[in-house]
Every structure is written in structure tokens, then in C-alpha cells.
Amino acid sequence: MKQIIILGITMMISIGFWMGLFSREAYS
């Protein structure tokens, strides 16, 4: 159960990181 929560948090962080990276590329 704990591993699923950790996996979900890690995925959300990585998705947010990539979205921020792509949005930065698009704006600049």
C-alpha cells in the first residue's frame, strides 16, 4: 500500500517537472 502512494507521488512530481519544462520551452 505504501509503495503505491510513493509511486503516485513520484509520478505526479515527474509529470509536473516535465510540464514545467515544456511550458518553459514554449514561452521562451
Foldseek 3Di string as FASTA:
>chain_A
DVVVVVVVVVVVVVVVVVVVVVVVVVVD
